Amino acid sequence: MEITESVLHGTPLLALRGRLDGTAAPAVEEKVTILLASGATRLVFDCSGIEYASSAGLRVFLSAAKKLKTAGGRCGFAALTPPLREIFNISGFLDVLEIHDTVESAAA
């Protein structure tokens, strides 16, 4: 899993590339924890490079969204690949998470 951190329109952006599985999930979770500790109340995940997400990866996404909501913020998920969109659909995440077609719209 490759994680690239940047900022778009003042919003932290984590671009993920590869497989978000049990091996990669702790690194993504650590990035989210660091961002929240630094005071971030918004976060966008660029999911355009995710080939696969396991239940551990989904847990990281759900945990991030809950933590940001609790902090009065929001978490957006942008540019889902077809395999990830299918996983989100099956898991019900399309109905409970903030999904955007593009990174731009998620950061707006």
N, C-alpha and C. Protein backbone atom coordinates (compact mmCIF):
# COMPACT_ATOMS: atom_id res chain seq x y z
N MET A 1 0.85 -1.17 0.00
CA MET A 1 0.00 0.00 0.00
C MET A 1 0.89 1.23 0.00
N GLU A 2 0.63 2.09 -0.94
CA GLU A 2 1.33 3.38 -1.01
C GLU A 2 0.36 4.46 -0.52
N ILE A 3 0.81 5.29 0.42
CA ILE A 3 0.00 6.36 0.98
C ILE A 3 0.70 7.68 0.68
N THR A 4 -0.01 8.56 -0.02
CA THR A 4 0.54 9.87 -0.33
C THR A 4 -0.33 10.92 0.36
N GLU A 5 0.32 11.75 1.16
CA GLU A 5 -0.40 12.78 1.91
C GLU A 5 -0.19 14.14 1.25
N SER A 6 -1.28 14.88 1.07
CA SER A 6 -1.21 16.23 0.52
C SER A 6 -2.37 17.05 1.09
N VAL A 7 -2.50 18.28 0.62
CA VAL A 7 -3.59 19.16 1.06
C VAL A 7 -4.24 19.75 -0.18
N LEU A 8 -5.56 19.71 -0.23
CA LEU A 8 -6.32 20.28 -1.34
C LEU A 8 -7.38 21.20 -0.78
N HIS A 9 -7.32 22.48 -1.14
CA HIS A 9 -8.27 23.49 -0.64
C HIS A 9 -8.32 23.50 0.89
N GLY A 10 -7.16 23.32 1.51
CA GLY A 10 -7.08 23.33 2.97
C GLY A 10 -7.51 22.04 3.65
N THR A 11 -7.85 21.04 2.87
CA THR A 11 -8.31 19.76 3.42
C THR A 11 -7.23 18.70 3.24
N PRO A 12 -6.86 18.01 4.32
CA PRO A 12 -5.89 16.92 4.18
C PRO A 12 -6.44 15.84 3.24
N LEU A 13 -5.55 15.33 2.41
CA LEU A 13 -5.91 14.33 1.41
C LEU A 13 -4.95 13.15 1.54
N LEU A 14 -5.51 11.95 1.69
CA LEU A 14 -4.71 10.74 1.69
C LEU A 14 -5.04 9.96 0.43
N ALA A 15 -4.08 9.88 -0.48
CA ALA A 15 -4.24 9.09 -1.70
C ALA A 15 -3.69 7.70 -1.43
N LEU A 16 -4.53 6.71 -1.65
CA LEU A 16 -4.15 5.33 -1.36
C LEU A 16 -4.02 4.56 -2.67
N ARG A 17 -2.95 3.77 -2.76
CA ARG A 17 -2.71 2.98 -3.97
C ARG A 17 -2.31 1.58 -3.57
N GLY A 18 -3.02 0.59 -4.11
CA GLY A 18 -2.69 -0.80 -3.83
C GLY A 18 -3.81 -1.51 -3.10
N ARG A 19 -3.42 -2.44 -2.24
CA ARG A 19 -4.37 -3.26 -1.49
C ARG A 19 -4.47 -2.77 -0.05
N LEU A 20 -5.67 -2.43 0.36
CA LEU A 20 -5.90 -2.01 1.74
C LEU A 20 -6.39 -3.23 2.52
N ASP A 21 -5.43 -3.98 3.02
CA ASP A 21 -5.74 -5.21 3.73
C ASP A 21 -5.21 -5.14 5.16
N GLY A 22 -5.20 -6.26 5.84
CA GLY A 22 -4.76 -6.30 7.23
C GLY A 22 -3.33 -5.85 7.43
N THR A 23 -2.51 -6.02 6.42
CA THR A 23 -1.12 -5.59 6.50
C THR A 23 -0.99 -4.08 6.36
N ALA A 24 -1.78 -3.49 5.48
CA ALA A 24 -1.68 -2.05 5.19
C ALA A 24 -2.55 -1.18 6.10
N ALA A 25 -3.61 -1.75 6.65
CA ALA A 25 -4.57 -0.97 7.45
C ALA A 25 -3.93 -0.21 8.61
N PRO A 26 -3.00 -0.80 9.37
CA PRO A 26 -2.41 -0.05 10.49
C PRO A 26 -1.69 1.23 10.05
N ALA A 27 -1.04 1.21 8.89
CA ALA A 27 -0.34 2.40 8.41
C ALA A 27 -1.33 3.51 8.07
N VAL A 28 -2.45 3.15 7.45
CA VAL A 28 -3.47 4.15 7.13
C VAL A 28 -4.09 4.68 8.40
N GLU A 29 -4.37 3.79 9.33
CA GLU A 29 -4.94 4.20 10.61
C GLU A 29 -4.00 5.15 11.36
N GLU A 30 -2.71 4.88 11.29
CA GLU A 30 -1.73 5.75 11.94
C GLU A 30 -1.73 7.15 11.32
N LYS A 31 -1.82 7.21 9.99
CA LYS A 31 -1.89 8.52 9.30
C LYS A 31 -3.12 9.30 9.76
N VAL A 32 -4.26 8.62 9.85
CA VAL A 32 -5.49 9.27 10.29
C VAL A 32 -5.34 9.77 11.72
N THR A 33 -4.78 8.97 12.59
CA THR A 33 -4.57 9.35 13.99
C THR A 33 -3.69 10.58 14.10
N ILE A 34 -2.63 10.62 13.31
CA ILE A 34 -1.72 11.78 13.32
C ILE A 34 -2.45 13.03 12.84
N LEU A 35 -3.24 12.90 11.79
CA LEU A 35 -3.99 14.06 11.28
C LEU A 35 -4.98 14.58 12.32
N LEU A 36 -5.70 13.67 12.96
CA LEU A 36 -6.66 14.08 13.99
C LEU A 36 -5.96 14.73 15.18
N ALA A 37 -4.83 14.18 15.57
CA ALA A 37 -4.07 14.75 16.69
C ALA A 37 -3.55 16.15 16.36
N SER A 38 -3.33 16.40 15.08
CA SER A 38 -2.85 17.73 14.67
C SER A 38 -4.00 18.74 14.55
N GLY A 39 -5.23 18.28 14.79
CA GLY A 39 -6.37 19.19 14.78
C GLY A 39 -7.22 19.15 13.52
N ALA A 40 -6.93 18.24 12.63
CA ALA A 40 -7.72 18.15 11.39
C ALA A 40 -9.17 17.77 11.72
N THR A 41 -10.09 18.46 11.08
CA THR A 41 -11.51 18.12 11.24
C THR A 41 -12.13 17.70 9.91
N ARG A 42 -11.33 17.73 8.86
CA ARG A 42 -11.79 17.26 7.55
C ARG A 42 -10.70 16.36 6.98
N LEU A 43 -11.13 15.40 6.20
CA LEU A 43 -10.20 14.47 5.56
C LEU A 43 -10.85 13.90 4.32
N VAL A 44 -10.06 13.78 3.27
CA VAL A 44 -10.52 13.14 2.04
C VAL A 44 -9.59 11.97 1.74
N PHE A 45 -10.19 10.83 1.44
CA PHE A 45 -9.45 9.68 0.96
C PHE A 45 -9.61 9.63 -0.55
N ASP A 46 -8.50 9.69 -1.28
CA ASP A 46 -8.51 9.49 -2.72
C ASP A 46 -8.38 7.99 -2.93
N CYS A 47 -9.47 7.37 -3.35
CA CYS A 47 -9.53 5.91 -3.47
C CYS A 47 -9.31 5.42 -4.90
N SER A 48 -8.84 6.30 -5.77
CA SER A 48 -8.71 5.96 -7.19
C SER A 48 -7.66 4.89 -7.47
N GLY A 49 -6.80 4.61 -6.50
CA GLY A 49 -5.75 3.62 -6.70
C GLY A 49 -5.93 2.34 -5.89
N ILE A 50 -7.09 2.20 -5.24
CA ILE A 50 -7.31 1.01 -4.41
C ILE A 50 -7.79 -0.15 -5.27
N GLU A 51 -7.03 -1.23 -5.24
CA GLU A 51 -7.37 -2.43 -5.99
C GLU A 51 -8.30 -3.34 -5.19
N TYR A 52 -8.15 -3.32 -3.86
CA TYR A 52 -8.88 -4.24 -3.00
C TYR A 52 -8.91 -3.66 -1.59
N ALA A 53 -10.00 -3.90 -0.87
CA ALA A 53 -10.08 -3.53 0.54
C ALA A 53 -10.68 -4.69 1.33
N SER A 54 -9.98 -5.13 2.34
CA SER A 54 -10.47 -6.20 3.21
C SER A 54 -11.33 -5.60 4.31
N SER A 55 -11.84 -6.45 5.18
CA SER A 55 -12.63 -5.96 6.31
C SER A 55 -11.79 -5.06 7.21
N ALA A 56 -10.50 -5.31 7.30
CA ALA A 56 -9.61 -4.45 8.10
C ALA A 56 -9.52 -3.07 7.49
N GLY A 57 -9.47 -2.99 6.17
CA GLY A 57 -9.45 -1.70 5.49
C GLY A 57 -10.76 -0.96 5.66
N LEU A 58 -11.86 -1.67 5.55
CA LEU A 58 -13.17 -1.04 5.74
C LEU A 58 -13.32 -0.51 7.15
N ARG A 59 -12.77 -1.25 8.12
CA ARG A 59 -12.83 -0.79 9.51
C ARG A 59 -12.09 0.53 9.69
N VAL A 60 -10.94 0.67 9.01
CA VAL A 60 -10.18 1.92 9.09
C VAL A 60 -11.02 3.08 8.53
N PHE A 61 -11.67 2.85 7.40
CA PHE A 61 -12.50 3.89 6.80
C PHE A 61 -13.65 4.28 7.72
N LEU A 62 -14.35 3.30 8.25
CA LEU A 62 -15.48 3.58 9.13
C LEU A 62 -15.03 4.28 10.41
N SER A 63 -13.93 3.84 10.97
CA SER A 63 -13.38 4.45 12.18
C SER A 63 -13.00 5.91 11.93
N ALA A 64 -12.36 6.18 10.80
CA ALA A 64 -11.97 7.56 10.47
C ALA A 64 -13.20 8.44 10.34
N ALA A 65 -14.22 7.95 9.65
CA ALA A 65 -15.44 8.74 9.46
C ALA A 65 -16.11 9.03 10.80
N LYS A 66 -16.16 8.04 11.68
CA LYS A 66 -16.80 8.23 12.99
C LYS A 66 -16.01 9.22 13.84
N LYS A 67 -14.69 9.09 13.85
CA LYS A 67 -13.86 10.00 14.65
C LYS A 67 -14.00 11.44 14.17
N LEU A 68 -14.01 11.63 12.87
CA LEU A 68 -14.14 12.99 12.34
C LEU A 68 -15.53 13.56 12.62
N LYS A 69 -16.55 12.73 12.51
CA LYS A 69 -17.91 13.20 12.81
C LYS A 69 -18.02 13.60 14.28
N THR A 70 -17.43 12.80 15.16
CA THR A 70 -17.43 13.10 16.59
C THR A 70 -16.72 14.42 16.88
N ALA A 71 -15.69 14.71 16.09
CA ALA A 71 -14.92 15.96 16.26
C ALA A 71 -15.62 17.14 15.58
N GLY A 72 -16.80 16.92 15.03
CA GLY A 72 -17.53 18.00 14.36
C GLY A 72 -17.09 18.20 12.93
N GLY A 73 -16.38 17.25 12.39
CA GLY A 73 -15.88 17.38 11.02
C GLY A 73 -16.54 16.40 10.08
N ARG A 74 -15.81 16.13 8.99
CA ARG A 74 -16.35 15.21 8.00
C ARG A 74 -15.22 14.51 7.26
N CYS A 75 -15.57 13.37 6.70
CA CYS A 75 -14.61 12.54 6.00
C CYS A 75 -15.23 12.14 4.66
N GLY A 76 -14.52 12.43 3.58
CA GLY A 76 -15.03 12.11 2.25
C GLY A 76 -14.20 11.02 1.59
N PHE A 77 -14.86 10.23 0.77
CA PHE A 77 -14.21 9.14 0.03
C PHE A 77 -14.44 9.42 -1.45
N ALA A 78 -13.35 9.60 -2.19
CA ALA A 78 -13.47 10.06 -3.58
C ALA A 78 -12.90 9.06 -4.57
N ALA A 79 -13.51 9.08 -5.75
CA ALA A 79 -13.00 8.34 -6.92
C ALA A 79 -12.84 6.85 -6.65
N LEU A 80 -13.89 6.24 -6.12
CA LEU A 80 -13.84 4.81 -5.82
C LEU A 80 -13.64 4.01 -7.11
N THR A 81 -12.73 3.06 -7.06
CA THR A 81 -12.54 2.15 -8.19
C THR A 81 -13.75 1.22 -8.25
N PRO A 82 -14.03 0.61 -9.41
CA PRO A 82 -15.17 -0.31 -9.49
C PRO A 82 -15.14 -1.43 -8.44
N PRO A 83 -13.98 -2.07 -8.19
CA PRO A 83 -13.98 -3.11 -7.15
C PRO A 83 -14.30 -2.55 -5.76
N LEU A 84 -13.78 -1.37 -5.45
CA LEU A 84 -14.04 -0.78 -4.13
C LEU A 84 -15.50 -0.33 -4.03
N ARG A 85 -16.04 0.22 -5.10
CA ARG A 85 -17.45 0.63 -5.09
C ARG A 85 -18.34 -0.59 -4.83
N GLU A 86 -18.00 -1.72 -5.42
CA GLU A 86 -18.79 -2.94 -5.20
C GLU A 86 -18.71 -3.37 -3.74
N ILE A 87 -17.51 -3.31 -3.15
CA ILE A 87 -17.33 -3.66 -1.74
C ILE A 87 -18.13 -2.69 -0.87
N PHE A 88 -18.08 -1.40 -1.17
CA PHE A 88 -18.85 -0.41 -0.42
C PHE A 88 -20.34 -0.68 -0.55
N ASN A 89 -20.78 -1.06 -1.73
CA ASN A 89 -22.20 -1.34 -1.96
C ASN A 89 -22.65 -2.56 -1.14
N ILE A 90 -21.89 -3.63 -1.21
CA ILE A 90 -22.22 -4.86 -0.48
C ILE A 90 -22.23 -4.63 1.03
N SER A 91 -21.29 -3.83 1.51
CA SER A 91 -21.17 -3.60 2.95
C SER A 91 -22.14 -2.54 3.47
N GLY A 92 -22.80 -1.82 2.55
CA GLY A 92 -23.72 -0.75 2.96
C GLY A 92 -23.03 0.58 3.17
N PHE A 93 -21.74 0.66 2.89
CA PHE A 93 -20.99 1.89 3.11
C PHE A 93 -21.44 3.02 2.17
N LEU A 94 -21.99 2.68 1.00
CA LEU A 94 -22.45 3.72 0.09
C LEU A 94 -23.55 4.56 0.73
N ASP A 95 -24.28 3.96 1.66
CA ASP A 95 -25.38 4.65 2.33
C ASP A 95 -24.96 5.41 3.57
N VAL A 96 -23.82 5.08 4.15
CA VAL A 96 -23.46 5.70 5.44
C VAL A 96 -22.22 6.59 5.37
N LEU A 97 -21.43 6.47 4.31
CA LEU A 97 -20.24 7.31 4.17
C LEU A 97 -20.45 8.36 3.10
N GLU A 98 -19.68 9.42 3.18
CA GLU A 98 -19.76 10.53 2.22
C GLU A 98 -18.93 10.18 0.99
N ILE A 99 -19.60 9.80 -0.09
CA ILE A 99 -18.95 9.34 -1.31
C ILE A 99 -19.01 10.43 -2.38
N HIS A 100 -17.89 10.66 -3.06
CA HIS A 100 -17.81 11.67 -4.12
C HIS A 100 -17.18 11.06 -5.37
N ASP A 101 -17.59 11.58 -6.50
CA ASP A 101 -17.02 11.10 -7.78
C ASP A 101 -15.58 11.54 -7.95
N THR A 102 -15.26 12.74 -7.46
CA THR A 102 -13.92 13.30 -7.66
C THR A 102 -13.33 13.79 -6.34
N VAL A 103 -12.02 13.88 -6.31
CA VAL A 103 -11.32 14.41 -5.16
C VAL A 103 -11.68 15.89 -4.98
N GLU A 104 -11.80 16.60 -6.09
CA GLU A 104 -12.17 18.03 -6.05
C GLU A 104 -13.48 18.23 -5.31
N SER A 105 -14.50 17.46 -5.67
CA SER A 105 -15.82 17.65 -5.04
C SER A 105 -15.78 17.24 -3.57
N ALA A 106 -14.97 16.26 -3.23
CA ALA A 106 -14.88 15.84 -1.83
C ALA A 106 -14.20 16.89 -0.96
N ALA A 107 -13.26 17.63 -1.53
CA ALA A 107 -12.52 18.64 -0.77
C ALA A 107 -13.23 19.99 -0.74
N ALA A 108 -14.26 20.15 -1.55
CA ALA A 108 -14.96 21.45 -1.63
C ALA A 108 -15.75 21.74 -0.37
